[in-house]
Amino acid sequence: MKVKKTILCVDDHEQSLSIRKLILETRGYRVIACISGEQALAAFTGGGVDLVLTDLIMPGMSGNELVGRIKQLSPATPVILFSGQVKIYDQDTLADIFLPKGMYSPAELLERIRLLLVRKRGPKRATALEPTGLKRASGS
């Protein structure tokens, strides 16, 4: 049985969070939903998170601050940052990808998540074993 990847999903807008959670769970991901950066950081430090998906503008800890703290703890964990406020997006973020809210389809989000998780895991290893019972013919 394939192990489900865990995505930490953070958004202070609960309706958006619920929709994103539903989309991800129907694709087989395990989702930890949080409504604040502080709550998300606590969940992240509990371990087992494969990818973080966070809003930029939130009361308290911003998405950018959350990304920085997560990258300090685990630089290899992929993070997608999104916001409806594209003009205030900070180019110096440590996030792997920035997506403007409403400017991407659920299918595009899912594909970006899949690619980031594949990159984190690395390429599949080829098996070194040849099929049993088959021998190469010698040049006779």
Protein backbone atom coordinates (compact mmCIF):
# COMPACT_ATOMS: atom_id res chain seq x y z
CA MET A 1 0.00 0.00 0.00
CA LYS A 2 1.31 3.43 -0.99
CA VAL A 3 2.07 5.76 1.92
CA LYS A 4 0.11 9.00 1.74
CA LYS A 5 2.13 12.19 1.55
CA THR A 6 1.25 14.78 4.20
CA ILE A 7 0.61 18.38 3.22
CA LEU A 8 0.43 21.16 5.78
CA CYS A 9 -2.14 23.61 4.41
CA VAL A 10 -2.34 27.08 6.00
CA ASP A 11 -4.89 29.83 5.34
CA ASP A 12 -6.70 32.21 7.68
CA HIS A 13 -9.71 32.15 5.31
CA GLU A 14 -11.46 28.99 6.48
CA GLN A 15 -13.60 28.51 3.34
CA SER A 16 -10.54 28.58 1.07
CA LEU A 17 -8.76 26.22 3.46
CA SER A 18 -11.68 23.76 3.38
CA ILE A 19 -11.82 23.78 -0.43
CA ARG A 20 -8.06 23.22 -0.75
CA LYS A 21 -8.21 20.45 1.87
CA LEU A 22 -11.00 18.69 -0.03
CA ILE A 23 -9.13 18.91 -3.35
CA LEU A 24 -5.97 17.48 -1.81
CA GLU A 25 -7.70 14.69 0.14
CA THR A 26 -9.62 13.52 -2.94
CA ARG A 27 -6.22 13.10 -4.64
CA GLY A 28 -4.97 10.86 -1.85
CA TYR A 29 -2.98 13.32 0.24
CA ARG A 30 -3.19 13.51 4.03
CA VAL A 31 -3.89 17.15 4.97
CA ILE A 32 -3.14 19.01 8.18
CA ALA A 33 -5.22 22.20 8.01
CA CYS A 34 -4.23 25.25 10.07
CA ILE A 35 -5.71 28.74 10.25
CA SER A 36 -2.61 30.57 11.49
CA GLY A 37 1.14 30.57 11.06
CA GLU A 38 1.66 29.83 14.74
CA GLN A 39 -0.65 26.81 14.61
CA ALA A 40 1.08 25.61 11.43
CA LEU A 41 4.56 25.93 12.92
CA ALA A 42 3.48 23.86 15.92
CA ALA A 43 2.04 21.20 13.59
CA PHE A 44 5.20 21.23 11.45
CA THR A 45 7.49 20.70 14.43
CA GLY A 46 5.45 17.58 15.25
CA GLY A 47 7.07 16.02 12.15
CA GLY A 48 5.84 14.02 9.19
CA VAL A 49 5.06 16.94 6.85
CA ASP A 50 6.13 16.39 3.23
CA LEU A 51 5.08 19.76 1.76
CA VAL A 52 3.72 23.09 3.02
CA LEU A 53 1.09 25.15 1.21
CA THR A 54 0.58 28.56 2.86
CA ASP A 55 -1.13 31.89 2.36
CA LEU A 56 1.12 34.97 2.42
CA ILE A 57 -1.13 37.47 4.23
CA MET A 58 -2.30 36.22 7.63
CA PRO A 59 -2.75 37.93 10.99
CA GLY A 60 0.09 37.25 13.43
CA MET A 61 2.80 35.27 11.67
CA SER A 62 2.81 35.97 7.92
CA GLY A 63 3.28 33.25 5.34
CA ASN A 64 6.73 34.61 4.53
CA GLU A 65 7.77 34.38 8.17
CA LEU A 66 6.33 30.86 8.39
CA VAL A 67 8.28 29.82 5.28
CA GLY A 68 11.51 31.20 6.79
CA ARG A 69 11.00 29.32 10.06
CA ILE A 70 10.15 26.07 8.24
CA LYS A 71 13.20 26.35 5.98
CA GLN A 72 15.40 26.90 9.07
CA LEU A 73 14.07 23.66 10.56
CA SER A 74 13.97 21.66 7.33
CA PRO A 75 15.55 23.25 4.22
CA ALA A 76 14.52 20.31 2.00
CA THR A 77 10.78 20.62 2.72
CA PRO A 78 9.08 22.13 -0.34
CA VAL A 79 6.86 25.16 0.26
CA ILE A 80 4.26 26.78 -1.99
CA LEU A 81 3.30 30.33 -1.04
CA PHE A 82 0.15 31.94 -2.45
CA SER A 83 -1.59 35.28 -2.13
CA GLY A 84 -4.30 37.44 -3.61
CA GLN A 85 -1.98 40.43 -3.08
CA VAL A 86 0.46 39.85 -5.95
CA LYS A 87 1.82 43.43 -5.76
CA ILE A 88 3.18 42.96 -2.24
CA TYR A 89 4.82 39.61 -2.95
CA ASP A 90 8.38 39.64 -1.66
CA GLN A 91 10.80 38.27 -4.24
CA ASP A 92 13.24 37.32 -1.46
CA THR A 93 11.02 34.60 -0.05
CA LEU A 94 12.45 31.16 0.61
CA ALA A 95 9.34 29.50 -0.86
CA ASP A 96 9.91 27.12 -3.76
CA ILE A 97 6.90 28.42 -5.72
CA PHE A 98 4.66 31.50 -5.52
CA LEU A 99 1.10 31.26 -6.90
CA PRO A 100 -1.26 34.23 -7.14
CA LYS A 101 -4.69 33.27 -5.72
CA GLY A 102 -7.31 32.78 -8.40
CA MET A 103 -4.70 32.66 -11.16
CA TYR A 104 -4.21 28.90 -11.22
CA SER A 105 -6.47 25.90 -11.63
CA PRO A 106 -6.74 23.08 -9.09
CA ALA A 107 -5.12 20.81 -11.70
CA GLU A 108 -2.10 23.16 -11.96
CA LEU A 109 -1.76 23.26 -8.16
CA LEU A 110 -1.89 19.46 -7.96
CA GLU A 111 0.73 19.10 -10.70
CA ARG A 112 3.08 21.55 -8.98
CA ILE A 113 2.65 19.67 -5.69
CA ARG A 114 3.35 16.36 -7.43
CA LEU A 115 6.52 17.73 -9.06
CA LEU A 116 7.84 19.22 -5.82
CA LEU A 117 7.26 15.93 -3.99
CA VAL A 118 9.02 13.96 -6.75
CA ARG A 119 11.95 16.37 -6.62
CA LYS A 120 12.15 16.01 -2.82
CA ARG A 121 12.06 12.21 -3.04
CA GLY A 122 14.45 12.04 -5.98
CA PRO A 123 14.17 9.89 -9.09
CA LYS A 124 13.04 6.30 -8.86
CA ARG A 125 15.96 3.95 -8.67
CA ALA A 126 16.39 1.42 -11.44
CA THR A 127 16.71 -2.16 -10.29
CA ALA A 128 20.17 -3.56 -10.73
CA LEU A 129 18.90 -7.14 -11.02
CA GLU A 130 18.31 -8.70 -14.40
CA PRO A 131 15.32 -11.01 -14.82
CA THR A 132 16.14 -14.48 -13.53
CA GLY A 133 16.59 -17.32 -15.95
CA LEU A 134 17.80 -15.12 -18.79
CA LYS A 135 21.44 -15.34 -19.80
CA ARG A 136 23.16 -13.29 -22.41
CA ALA A 137 24.25 -15.20 -25.46
CA SER A 138 27.98 -15.16 -26.01
CA GLY A 139 29.38 -14.24 -29.41
CA SER A 140 29.82 -17.82 -30.71
